[in-house]
């Protein structure tokens, strides 16, 4: 059960925070404070897992966050506001783990910032993950075009022309976006040739996912001999994304499932780039023994590529539902509940994609599906859909 402390002088805003957390995260404990002094007092008697502190002329949140950092550095520190004054904003970002813009309260952004921060902390503090990070070294910074695209999308007046211009600065990235926009997945008869039209067709969420995926796959230093494996992994990721987001066409989580599907194996790239010899030997052992790769990763490193990928994506600030789906796509029990979510959809899509593309001898070694899954009428329909999508040659 996470403890959350929110400190702000605006009681109406505090009430909005309280209502948001109570509606969406009932297992969290919450306390509110209207001043730095009361915030420090609450912190002293009730150490929180996360503190959200205002940075404004009325509330010296920087002093409060500094106090928290010095006395309990494991507490997640989120600065609320401060963006209106450049100096205050810069000072806050030196102390806080994350920042949230002031102004009108955005419940979704507020909630997800806390979820992401707690999620990343839980991943990184695992002893096995700490040991692995010691072996692979510092994880790479967020890719440049993706970071700039994310920044521009925060401006509600940004145009598709501006976004298309940004993508066009990278020819390889532009080619990927155009290829996907013209794929059968989007079901359009008329092809598009301009990045502006491609951006309009894809939508900003899909565009953001494709930009990040393309940058990740083209910028990790993978040995040339592994290029065929990398291309195969890209095709698999594209197929998983398309299947996952199509399992329930009206699912509110489908965009998160699409993004997570594209990135669900990004941890493998980290392994290949940072521990190439060890990982290639692991892949060879997995093929020879018939064991799943993720099982071999756990035996070798203590965690599998889903957890490593989730750590990277959490650092890059992706939504918590995307990070969770990447982390858990090998961990959840294989069943089909009445209502899916992004995590379940990616796990199902990963299995479907392997079932329709892997050679028969590989499929025979895989653990059999439960009878409840095989007899679920949705499974046969989804498998047929996966086979059709597999025949559409799209590499995202």
Protein backbone atom coordinates (compact mmCIF):
# COMPACT_ATOMS: atom_id res chain seq x y z
CA UNK A 1 0.00 0.00 0.00
CA UNK A 2 1.61 3.26 -1.15
CA UNK A 3 1.56 6.41 0.97
CA UNK A 4 1.04 9.68 -0.92
CA UNK A 5 1.47 13.18 0.58
CA UNK A 6 0.18 16.19 -1.38
CA UNK A 7 1.15 19.72 -0.33
CA UNK A 8 -0.50 22.81 -1.82
CA UNK A 9 -2.05 26.05 -0.57
CA UNK A 10 -5.06 25.69 -2.92
CA UNK A 11 -7.60 23.63 -0.97
CA UNK A 12 -9.80 23.15 -4.05
CA UNK A 13 -6.84 21.67 -5.92
CA UNK A 14 -6.02 19.41 -2.99
CA UNK A 15 -9.61 18.20 -3.02
CA UNK A 16 -9.29 17.38 -6.73
CA UNK A 17 -6.14 15.39 -5.99
CA UNK A 18 -7.85 13.58 -3.12
CA UNK A 19 -10.89 12.72 -5.22
CA UNK A 20 -8.75 11.48 -8.12
CA UNK A 21 -6.69 9.15 -5.94
CA UNK A 22 -9.68 7.83 -4.03
CA UNK A 23 -11.56 7.07 -7.26
CA UNK A 24 -8.71 5.32 -9.06
CA UNK A 25 -6.29 3.98 -6.43
CA UNK A 26 -8.25 3.00 -3.35
CA UNK A 27 -5.40 0.94 -1.92
CA UNK A 28 -3.21 4.04 -1.58
CA UNK A 29 -3.12 6.02 1.66
CA UNK A 30 -3.36 9.79 1.23
CA UNK A 31 -2.62 12.81 3.38
CA UNK A 32 -2.94 16.49 2.51
CA UNK A 33 -1.11 19.57 3.78
CA UNK A 34 -1.68 23.26 3.00
CA UNK A 35 1.75 24.61 3.98
CA UNK A 36 5.41 23.67 4.03
CA UNK A 37 5.40 23.48 7.83
CA UNK A 38 2.43 21.12 7.97
CA UNK A 39 3.93 19.12 5.11
CA UNK A 40 7.21 18.70 7.00
CA UNK A 41 5.35 17.73 10.16
CA UNK A 42 3.31 15.10 8.30
CA UNK A 43 6.46 13.80 6.60
CA UNK A 44 8.16 13.43 9.98
CA UNK A 45 5.40 11.38 11.57
CA UNK A 46 4.13 9.58 8.48
CA UNK A 47 6.98 8.96 5.94
CA UNK A 48 5.36 8.77 2.48
CA UNK A 49 6.39 6.75 -0.55
CA UNK A 50 5.67 9.76 -2.77
CA UNK A 51 5.31 13.48 -2.11
CA UNK A 52 3.70 15.98 -4.50
CA UNK A 53 4.65 19.53 -3.52
CA UNK A 54 3.62 22.85 -5.04
CA UNK A 55 6.34 25.14 -6.36
CA UNK A 56 4.86 28.64 -6.30
CA UNK A 57 5.27 32.07 -4.67
CA UNK A 58 2.92 30.89 -1.90
CA UNK A 59 4.51 27.47 -1.26
CA UNK A 60 8.27 26.90 -1.11
CA UNK A 61 8.01 23.37 -2.41
CA UNK A 62 11.72 23.35 -3.27
CA UNK A 63 12.61 23.67 0.40
CA UNK A 64 10.18 20.90 1.28
CA UNK A 65 11.45 18.56 -1.44
CA UNK A 66 15.04 19.27 -0.40
CA UNK A 67 14.13 18.40 3.19
CA UNK A 68 12.58 15.12 1.99
CA UNK A 69 15.55 14.27 -0.24
CA UNK A 70 18.06 14.80 2.58
CA UNK A 71 16.15 12.79 5.17
CA UNK A 72 14.50 10.06 3.11
CA UNK A 73 16.00 9.90 -0.40
CA UNK A 74 13.92 6.82 -1.35
CA UNK A 75 10.73 8.94 -1.24
CA UNK A 76 9.62 9.89 -4.75
CA UNK A 77 9.56 13.67 -5.16
CA UNK A 78 7.18 15.34 -7.64
CA UNK A 79 7.17 19.12 -8.14
CA UNK A 80 3.78 20.58 -9.02
CA UNK A 81 3.96 23.89 -10.93
CA UNK A 82 7.00 26.14 -11.12
CA UNK A 83 7.05 26.08 -14.92
CA UNK A 84 5.82 29.68 -15.04
CA UNK A 85 9.07 30.92 -13.54
CA UNK A 86 12.17 29.60 -15.29
CA UNK A 87 14.45 29.88 -12.24
CA UNK A 88 12.01 28.09 -9.94
CA UNK A 89 11.42 25.41 -12.53
CA UNK A 90 15.14 24.72 -12.94
CA UNK A 91 15.70 24.60 -9.20
CA UNK A 92 12.77 22.21 -8.75
CA UNK A 93 14.04 19.83 -11.43
CA UNK A 94 17.37 19.50 -9.60
CA UNK A 95 15.50 18.24 -6.54
CA UNK A 96 12.44 16.44 -7.93
CA UNK A 97 12.23 13.13 -9.76
CA UNK A 98 9.38 14.43 -11.89
CA UNK A 99 7.58 17.68 -12.62
CA UNK A 100 3.93 18.44 -13.31
CA UNK A 101 2.79 21.72 -14.89
CA UNK A 102 0.63 24.04 -12.81
CA UNK A 103 -2.55 25.70 -14.02
CA UNK A 104 -5.73 23.70 -14.44
CA UNK A 105 -5.65 20.28 -12.79
CA UNK A 106 -5.22 17.34 -15.16
CA UNK A 107 -6.34 14.25 -13.25
CA UNK A 108 -5.04 11.74 -15.78
CA UNK A 109 -1.58 13.29 -15.94
CA UNK A 110 -1.40 13.64 -12.14
CA UNK A 111 -2.39 10.04 -11.54
CA UNK A 112 -0.09 8.60 -14.18
CA UNK A 113 2.92 10.58 -12.94
CA UNK A 114 2.58 8.97 -9.51
CA UNK A 115 1.92 5.52 -10.94
CA UNK A 116 4.95 5.70 -13.22
CA UNK A 117 7.23 6.91 -10.46
CA UNK A 118 6.15 4.16 -8.05
CA UNK A 119 6.33 1.55 -10.78
CA UNK A 120 9.86 2.49 -11.80
CA UNK A 121 10.99 2.55 -8.17
CA UNK A 122 9.60 -0.95 -7.63
CA UNK A 123 11.41 -2.25 -10.71
CA UNK A 124 14.77 -0.65 -10.01
CA UNK A 125 14.86 -1.62 -6.34
CA UNK A 126 14.61 -5.34 -7.13
CA UNK A 127 17.97 -6.89 -6.13
CA UNK A 128 18.13 -8.84 -9.40
CA UNK A 129 17.53 -5.68 -11.44
CA UNK A 130 20.13 -3.70 -9.52
CA UNK A 131 22.64 -6.47 -10.20
CA UNK A 132 21.74 -6.57 -13.90
CA UNK A 133 22.02 -2.79 -14.27
CA UNK A 134 25.48 -3.09 -12.78
CA UNK A 135 26.38 -5.43 -15.65
CA UNK A 136 24.74 -3.58 -18.55
CA UNK A 137 25.75 -0.10 -17.36
CA UNK A 138 23.76 3.12 -17.61
CA UNK A 139 20.66 2.83 -19.76
CA UNK A 140 20.51 5.17 -22.78
CA UNK A 141 18.80 8.55 -22.63
CA UNK A 142 15.43 9.08 -24.27
CA UNK A 143 15.80 9.32 -28.10
CA UNK A 144 15.96 12.88 -29.40
CA UNK A 145 13.16 13.00 -31.99
CA UNK A 146 10.79 11.21 -29.62
CA UNK A 147 11.60 13.68 -26.83
CA UNK A 148 11.02 16.65 -29.13
CA UNK A 149 7.80 15.15 -30.49
CA UNK A 150 6.54 14.61 -26.95
CA UNK A 151 7.36 18.23 -26.08
CA UNK A 152 5.53 19.58 -29.13
CA UNK A 153 2.47 17.43 -28.49
CA UNK A 154 2.04 19.21 -25.15
CA UNK A 155 1.10 22.28 -27.21
CA UNK A 156 -2.60 21.91 -28.16
CA UNK A 157 -2.10 24.20 -31.15
CA UNK A 158 0.60 22.08 -32.81
CA UNK A 159 -0.27 21.16 -36.39
CA UNK A 160 0.16 17.90 -38.27
CA UNK A 161 2.37 19.84 -40.70
CA UNK A 162 4.79 20.72 -37.88
CA UNK A 163 4.86 17.11 -36.71
CA UNK A 164 5.46 15.89 -40.24
CA UNK A 165 8.32 18.38 -40.62
CA UNK A 166 9.90 17.04 -37.44
CA UNK A 167 9.72 13.43 -38.64
CA UNK A 168 11.10 14.39 -42.05
CA UNK A 169 14.40 15.41 -40.45
CA UNK A 170 15.26 11.71 -40.17
CA UNK A 171 14.92 9.93 -43.57
CA UNK A 172 14.91 6.42 -42.08
CA UNK A 173 12.26 7.42 -39.57
CA UNK A 174 10.18 9.13 -42.26
CA UNK A 175 10.26 5.96 -44.37
CA UNK A 176 9.00 3.89 -41.43
CA UNK A 177 6.11 6.26 -40.74
CA UNK A 178 5.05 6.34 -44.40
CA UNK A 179 5.27 2.56 -44.69
CA UNK A 180 3.02 2.02 -41.70
CA UNK A 181 0.53 4.71 -42.74
CA UNK A 182 0.09 2.93 -46.07
CA UNK A 183 -0.23 -0.53 -44.55
CA UNK A 184 -3.38 -2.62 -44.68
CA UNK A 185 -3.69 -2.25 -40.91
CA UNK A 186 -5.19 1.20 -41.37
CA UNK A 187 -7.60 -0.02 -44.01
CA UNK A 188 -7.36 2.81 -46.50
CA UNK A 189 -7.52 2.30 -50.25
CA UNK A 190 -5.77 5.56 -51.12
CA UNK A 191 -2.05 5.71 -50.39
CA UNK A 192 -0.38 8.76 -48.87
CA UNK A 193 2.99 10.15 -49.90
CA UNK A 194 3.42 13.16 -47.62
CA UNK A 195 4.37 12.99 -43.95
CA UNK A 196 1.66 15.52 -43.15
CA UNK A 197 -1.00 13.17 -44.56
CA UNK A 198 0.66 10.18 -42.89
CA UNK A 199 0.60 11.96 -39.53
CA UNK A 200 -3.06 12.86 -39.93
CA UNK A 201 -3.92 9.27 -40.81
CA UNK A 202 -1.98 7.67 -37.98
CA UNK A 203 -2.98 10.07 -35.22
CA UNK A 204 -0.60 11.54 -32.67
CA UNK A 205 -0.56 8.54 -30.30
CA UNK A 206 0.34 6.01 -32.98
CA UNK A 207 2.85 8.44 -34.50
CA UNK A 208 4.55 8.86 -31.12
CA UNK A 209 4.77 5.07 -30.71
CA UNK A 210 6.22 4.56 -34.18
CA UNK A 211 8.78 7.34 -33.76
CA UNK A 212 10.03 5.86 -30.50
CA UNK A 213 10.15 2.32 -31.91
CA UNK A 214 12.00 3.38 -35.05
CA UNK A 215 14.54 5.38 -33.06
CA UNK A 216 15.10 2.51 -30.64
CA UNK A 217 15.70 -0.09 -33.36
CA UNK A 218 17.91 2.13 -35.49
CA UNK A 219 20.07 3.54 -32.72
CA UNK A 220 21.00 0.61 -30.55
CA UNK A 221 24.58 -0.49 -31.39
CA UNK A 222 23.89 -4.03 -32.56
CA UNK A 223 26.67 -5.99 -34.31
CA UNK A 224 26.10 -6.27 -38.11
CA UNK A 225 25.90 -10.06 -37.86
CA UNK A 226 22.75 -9.67 -35.78
CA UNK A 227 20.92 -7.47 -38.30
CA UNK A 228 18.70 -10.34 -39.58
CA UNK A 229 17.67 -11.16 -36.01
CA UNK A 230 16.91 -7.49 -35.38
CA UNK A 231 14.77 -7.25 -38.51
CA UNK A 232 12.86 -10.37 -37.47
CA UNK A 233 12.28 -8.88 -34.04
CA UNK A 234 10.90 -5.70 -35.63
CA UNK A 235 8.46 -7.69 -37.74
CA UNK A 236 7.35 -9.63 -34.67
CA UNK A 237 6.89 -6.44 -32.64
CA UNK A 238 4.82 -4.86 -35.40
CA UNK A 239 2.60 -7.93 -35.62
CA UNK A 240 2.11 -8.07 -31.84
CA UNK A 241 1.15 -4.38 -31.78
CA UNK A 242 -1.44 -4.81 -34.52
CA UNK A 243 -2.93 -7.94 -32.99
CA UNK A 244 -3.01 -6.52 -29.44
CA UNK A 245 -4.82 -3.35 -30.45
CA UNK A 246 -7.36 -5.32 -32.50
CA UNK A 247 -8.46 -7.93 -29.93
CA UNK A 248 -11.19 -5.60 -28.68
CA UNK A 249 -11.73 -2.85 -31.30
CA UNK A 250 -13.60 -0.67 -28.79
CA UNK A 251 -11.19 -1.23 -25.90
CA UNK A 252 -10.17 2.05 -24.30
CA UNK A 253 -6.72 0.55 -23.74
CA UNK A 254 -6.02 -0.24 -27.41
CA UNK A 255 -3.55 2.64 -27.93
CA UNK A 256 -1.53 1.55 -24.89
CA UNK A 257 -1.61 -2.04 -26.17
CA UNK A 258 -0.35 -0.90 -29.58
CA UNK A 259 2.56 1.01 -28.06
CA UNK A 260 3.42 -1.80 -25.64
CA UNK A 261 3.23 -4.34 -28.46
CA UNK A 262 5.75 -2.39 -30.50
CA UNK A 263 8.10 -2.14 -27.52
CA UNK A 264 7.48 -5.38 -25.61
CA UNK A 265 10.84 -6.90 -26.60
CA UNK A 266 12.96 -3.75 -26.28
CA UNK A 267 14.78 -5.37 -23.34
CA UNK A 268 16.27 -7.87 -25.79
CA UNK A 269 17.92 -4.97 -27.61
CA UNK A 270 19.56 -3.86 -24.39
CA UNK A 271 20.85 -7.38 -23.79
CA UNK A 272 22.20 -7.70 -27.33
CA UNK A 273 23.77 -4.22 -27.33
CA UNK A 274 25.36 -4.37 -23.88
CA UNK A 275 26.07 -8.09 -23.36
CA UNK A 276 26.31 -9.43 -26.94
CA UNK A 277 28.50 -12.50 -26.37
CA UNK A 278 26.65 -13.62 -23.24
CA UNK A 279 23.25 -13.09 -24.82
CA UNK A 280 24.09 -14.83 -28.09
CA UNK A 281 25.26 -17.84 -26.11
CA UNK A 282 22.00 -17.73 -24.15
CA UNK A 283 19.96 -17.67 -27.37
CA UNK A 284 21.90 -20.64 -28.73
CA UNK A 285 21.34 -22.59 -25.49
CA UNK A 286 17.62 -21.79 -25.59
CA UNK A 287 17.33 -23.05 -29.17
CA UNK A 288 19.25 -26.23 -28.40
CA UNK A 289 17.33 -27.02 -25.22
CA UNK A 290 13.91 -25.99 -26.47
CA UNK A 291 13.41 -23.72 -23.46
CA UNK A 292 11.79 -20.30 -23.73
CA UNK A 293 14.24 -17.41 -24.04
CA UNK A 294 12.69 -15.50 -21.16
CA UNK A 295 13.17 -18.53 -18.88
CA UNK A 296 16.84 -18.68 -19.83
CA UNK A 297 17.16 -14.94 -19.15
CA UNK A 298 15.75 -15.36 -15.64
CA UNK A 299 18.18 -18.20 -14.97
CA UNK A 300 21.13 -16.16 -16.30
CA UNK A 301 20.31 -12.60 -15.17
CA UNK A 302 17.60 -12.93 -12.51
CA UNK A 303 15.05 -11.02 -14.63
CA UNK A 304 13.77 -11.35 -18.20
CA UNK A 305 13.75 -8.86 -21.06
CA UNK A 306 10.25 -7.63 -20.16
CA UNK A 307 11.43 -6.29 -16.81
CA UNK A 308 14.59 -4.75 -18.29
CA UNK A 309 12.55 -3.12 -21.07
CA UNK A 310 10.04 -1.79 -18.55
CA UNK A 311 12.87 -0.21 -16.58
CA UNK A 312 14.11 1.58 -19.70
CA UNK A 313 10.64 2.76 -20.77
CA UNK A 314 9.83 3.89 -17.25
CA UNK A 315 12.95 6.06 -17.27
CA UNK A 316 11.82 7.52 -20.57
CA UNK A 317 8.46 8.51 -19.09
CA UNK A 318 6.09 6.25 -21.01
CA UNK A 319 2.58 5.75 -19.56
CA UNK A 320 2.31 3.36 -16.64
CA UNK A 321 -0.07 1.01 -18.49
CA UNK A 322 2.47 0.65 -21.31
CA UNK A 323 5.33 -0.03 -18.89
CA UNK A 324 3.21 -2.58 -17.01
CA UNK A 325 2.26 -4.41 -20.21
CA UNK A 326 5.90 -4.63 -21.31
CA UNK A 327 7.03 -5.82 -17.90
CA UNK A 328 4.36 -8.51 -17.43
CA UNK A 329 3.86 -9.99 -20.90
CA UNK A 330 5.60 -13.21 -19.78
CA UNK A 331 4.41 -13.17 -16.17
CA UNK A 332 0.61 -13.31 -16.23
CA UNK A 333 -1.36 -16.55 -16.18
CA UNK A 334 -2.54 -17.55 -19.63
CA UNK A 335 -6.29 -17.13 -19.64
CA UNK A 336 -8.87 -15.02 -21.44
CA UNK A 337 -10.96 -12.94 -19.03
CA UNK A 338 -14.24 -11.44 -20.12
CA UNK A 339 -12.73 -7.96 -20.30
CA UNK A 340 -9.17 -7.47 -21.52
CA UNK A 341 -6.68 -4.75 -20.67
CA UNK A 342 -3.42 -3.64 -22.31
CA UNK A 343 -1.26 -6.08 -20.34
CA UNK A 344 -3.45 -9.09 -21.09
CA UNK A 345 -3.83 -8.06 -24.73
CA UNK A 346 -0.06 -7.86 -25.30
CA UNK A 347 0.51 -11.26 -23.67
CA UNK A 348 -2.19 -12.85 -25.82
CA UNK A 349 -0.94 -11.10 -28.96
CA UNK A 350 2.63 -12.25 -28.33
CA UNK A 351 1.48 -15.87 -28.14
CA UNK A 352 -0.75 -15.51 -31.21
CA UNK A 353 2.07 -13.92 -33.21
CA UNK A 354 4.45 -16.75 -32.35
CA UNK A 355 1.79 -19.39 -33.10
CA UNK A 356 1.22 -18.12 -36.63
CA UNK A 357 4.86 -17.37 -37.55
CA UNK A 358 7.10 -19.86 -35.72
CA UNK A 359 8.13 -23.12 -37.44
CA UNK A 360 6.13 -26.19 -36.47
CA UNK A 361 9.02 -27.82 -34.58
CA UNK A 362 9.29 -24.71 -32.37
CA UNK A 363 5.54 -24.64 -31.73
CA UNK A 364 5.60 -28.29 -30.69
CA UNK A 365 8.07 -27.52 -27.90
CA UNK A 366 5.91 -24.71 -26.50
CA UNK A 367 3.68 -25.34 -23.51
CA UNK A 368 0.17 -26.33 -24.57
CA UNK A 369 -2.59 -23.80 -24.10
CA UNK A 370 -5.22 -24.45 -21.41
CA UNK A 371 -8.44 -26.06 -22.66
CA UNK A 372 -10.37 -23.01 -21.48
CA UNK A 373 -8.40 -20.89 -23.95
CA UNK A 374 -8.66 -23.29 -26.89
CA UNK A 375 -12.43 -23.63 -26.45
CA UNK A 376 -13.04 -19.89 -26.06
CA UNK A 377 -14.71 -18.78 -29.32
CA UNK A 378 -12.66 -15.60 -29.32
CA UNK A 379 -9.40 -17.55 -29.58
CA UNK A 380 -10.20 -19.12 -32.95
CA UNK A 381 -11.34 -15.75 -34.30
CA UNK A 382 -8.22 -14.01 -32.99
CA UNK A 383 -5.96 -16.68 -34.46
CA UNK A 384 -7.55 -16.25 -37.86
CA UNK A 385 -7.06 -12.50 -37.55
CA UNK A 386 -3.41 -13.01 -36.56
CA UNK A 387 -2.80 -15.22 -39.59
CA UNK A 388 -4.27 -12.57 -41.86
CA UNK A 389 -2.18 -9.82 -40.28
CA UNK A 390 0.92 -11.98 -40.51
CA UNK A 391 0.45 -12.22 -44.25
CA UNK A 392 0.56 -8.41 -44.48
CA UNK A 393 4.24 -7.56 -44.72
CA UNK A 394 4.67 -4.53 -42.43
CA UNK A 395 7.78 -3.81 -40.38
CA UNK A 396 7.26 -0.91 -37.97
